[in-house]
């Protein structure tokens, strides 16, 4: 049996500048506004990594912590390579 899946070329919807702007805004939101993390163990792990836990279970994630997490994430599989 042979593979009948069609090969497709990568589709670039956003420019590099647009991707950079989205990334920069995301970093600002995580650092300044934070994200609600209701799970105590998750807050503890984030705090140990360098994030600041504020009131109401809000976690503020600085850029260096975010970039370290991104760099340590496994590479996507061949099928999901278009996600990055």
Foldseek 3Di string as FASTA:
>chain_A
DDDPDDDDDADDPDDPVVVVVVVVVVQCCLAPVFDADPDPVVLVVQVVLPWDADPNRGIRHHPVSVVVVVVPDDQDDPVCNSVD
